[in-house]
Amino acid sequence: IKMVADFHGKAPTNPAPCLTICSGSTGYGNTNWRGGSGYAATEVDISQCGFVTTPIVTTALTGNGYHGHTVGTTSVWSLTKDRFTIIVSGPAWTGFRNTAWSRYWILTRDEAT
């Protein structure tokens, strides 16, 4: 894997190994969603990835219903090197408890570990 631009859009400056990549899923139908007035949220533990600094996150939401009608499905909240939270809203939140929504993610960071 070759990284051509870092978090700031500049050439990476850290020595090899300079790129850490980690991916995973909360588990189809096993995601611990919590809901409130107009939203559903889940916290994702990424501590096993071993990042030294906060990574760049790409996410996807899958499921068997309603997930295509949400807002914020790729918006990451409270991101640290060990966890992040996804909060989705919209008409879909009312039906999320009866679906098998799950969160997939790919994390990357240019850092010497």
Protein backbone atom coordinates (compact mmCIF):
# COMPACT_ATOMS: atom_id res chain seq x y z
CA ILE A 1 0.00 0.00 0.00
CA LYS A 2 1.31 3.41 -0.87
CA MET A 3 0.02 6.60 0.73
CA VAL A 4 0.42 9.62 -1.52
CA ALA A 5 -1.23 12.28 0.66
CA ASP A 6 -1.64 12.48 4.43
CA PHE A 7 -4.45 13.93 6.58
CA HIS A 8 -3.39 17.45 5.54
CA GLY A 9 -3.16 16.59 1.83
CA LYS A 10 0.65 16.68 1.88
CA ALA A 11 3.25 14.01 1.16
CA PRO A 12 3.65 11.68 4.18
CA THR A 13 6.74 12.44 6.27
CA ASN A 14 6.87 9.55 8.74
CA PRO A 15 9.34 6.72 8.21
CA ALA A 16 8.27 3.17 7.35
CA PRO A 17 6.05 1.65 8.47
CA CYS A 18 4.23 4.90 7.86
CA LEU A 19 0.72 3.66 7.14
CA THR A 20 -1.55 1.83 9.56
CA ILE A 21 -4.81 0.39 8.23
CA CYS A 22 -7.50 -1.34 10.27
CA SER A 23 -11.00 -2.43 9.30
CA GLY A 24 -13.93 -4.15 10.92
CA SER A 25 -17.63 -4.40 11.56
CA THR A 26 -19.93 -4.11 14.53
CA GLY A 27 -21.54 -7.35 13.34
CA TYR A 28 -24.60 -7.82 11.17
CA GLY A 29 -27.57 -7.72 13.50
CA ASN A 30 -25.33 -7.48 16.58
CA THR A 31 -24.72 -3.73 16.74
CA ASN A 32 -25.56 -2.12 20.08
CA TRP A 33 -27.78 0.75 18.87
CA ARG A 34 -29.36 3.16 21.31
CA GLY A 35 -32.05 5.62 20.37
CA GLY A 36 -33.53 8.87 21.49
CA SER A 37 -35.87 11.48 20.14
CA GLY A 38 -35.17 11.41 16.41
CA TYR A 39 -31.86 9.52 16.40
CA ALA A 40 -30.06 6.21 16.74
CA ALA A 41 -26.41 5.97 17.79
CA THR A 42 -23.69 3.41 18.33
CA GLU A 43 -20.17 3.65 19.71
CA VAL A 44 -17.46 1.67 17.95
CA ASP A 45 -14.42 0.42 19.89
CA ILE A 46 -11.32 0.57 17.67
CA SER A 47 -8.74 0.21 20.45
CA GLN A 48 -7.53 -3.14 19.08
CA CYS A 49 -6.28 -1.33 15.97
CA GLY A 50 -3.43 0.15 18.01
CA PHE A 51 -3.38 3.65 16.55
CA VAL A 52 -0.95 6.08 18.15
CA THR A 53 -2.94 9.11 16.98
CA THR A 54 -6.50 9.69 15.79
CA PRO A 55 -7.12 7.90 12.45
CA ILE A 56 -9.01 8.91 9.34
CA VAL A 57 -12.34 7.03 9.23
CA THR A 58 -14.46 5.80 6.32
CA THR A 59 -17.74 4.13 7.27
CA ALA A 60 -20.72 2.38 5.72
CA LEU A 61 -24.11 1.42 7.15
CA THR A 62 -25.75 -1.81 6.02
CA GLY A 63 -28.92 -3.54 7.08
CA ASN A 64 -32.17 -5.15 6.06
CA GLY A 65 -34.38 -2.09 6.16
CA TYR A 66 -34.70 1.67 6.75
CA HIS A 67 -30.93 2.32 6.58
CA GLY A 68 -31.30 3.90 3.14
CA HIS A 69 -33.45 6.66 4.63
CA THR A 70 -31.07 8.00 7.25
CA VAL A 71 -29.06 11.20 7.62
CA GLY A 72 -25.53 11.16 9.02
CA THR A 73 -24.64 7.55 8.20
CA THR A 74 -21.02 8.48 7.50
CA SER A 75 -20.71 11.30 10.04
CA VAL A 76 -18.22 10.40 12.75
CA TRP A 77 -18.59 11.93 16.23
CA SER A 78 -16.25 11.89 19.24
CA LEU A 79 -13.38 10.33 17.28
CA THR A 80 -10.29 9.30 19.25
CA LYS A 81 -7.54 6.76 18.59
CA ASP A 82 -9.63 4.21 20.52
CA ARG A 83 -13.28 4.81 19.53
CA PHE A 84 -15.84 6.75 17.56
CA THR A 85 -19.60 7.27 17.57
CA ILE A 86 -22.04 7.31 14.66
CA ILE A 87 -25.34 9.15 15.10
CA VAL A 88 -28.01 8.74 12.42
CA SER A 89 -31.29 10.59 12.19
CA GLY A 90 -34.27 10.90 9.93
CA PRO A 91 -37.44 8.89 9.39
CA ALA A 92 -35.53 5.61 9.61
CA TRP A 93 -34.68 5.93 13.30
CA THR A 94 -38.15 4.78 14.33
CA GLY A 95 -37.67 1.36 12.76
CA PHE A 96 -34.03 0.66 13.56
CA ARG A 97 -34.73 -1.68 16.49
CA ASN A 98 -36.39 -4.19 14.17
CA THR A 99 -33.59 -4.26 11.61
CA ALA A 100 -30.16 -5.77 11.37
CA TRP A 101 -28.17 -2.57 10.91
CA SER A 102 -24.42 -2.87 11.19
CA ARG A 103 -21.49 -0.51 10.84
CA TYR A 104 -18.44 -1.27 8.70
CA TRP A 105 -15.32 0.85 8.85
CA ILE A 106 -11.86 1.31 7.38
CA LEU A 107 -9.35 3.37 9.35
CA THR A 108 -6.01 4.69 8.22
CA ARG A 109 -3.30 6.93 9.61
CA ASP A 110 0.21 7.87 8.55
CA GLU A 111 2.27 7.28 11.66
CA ALA A 112 5.31 5.43 12.87
CA THR A 113 4.14 2.76 15.31
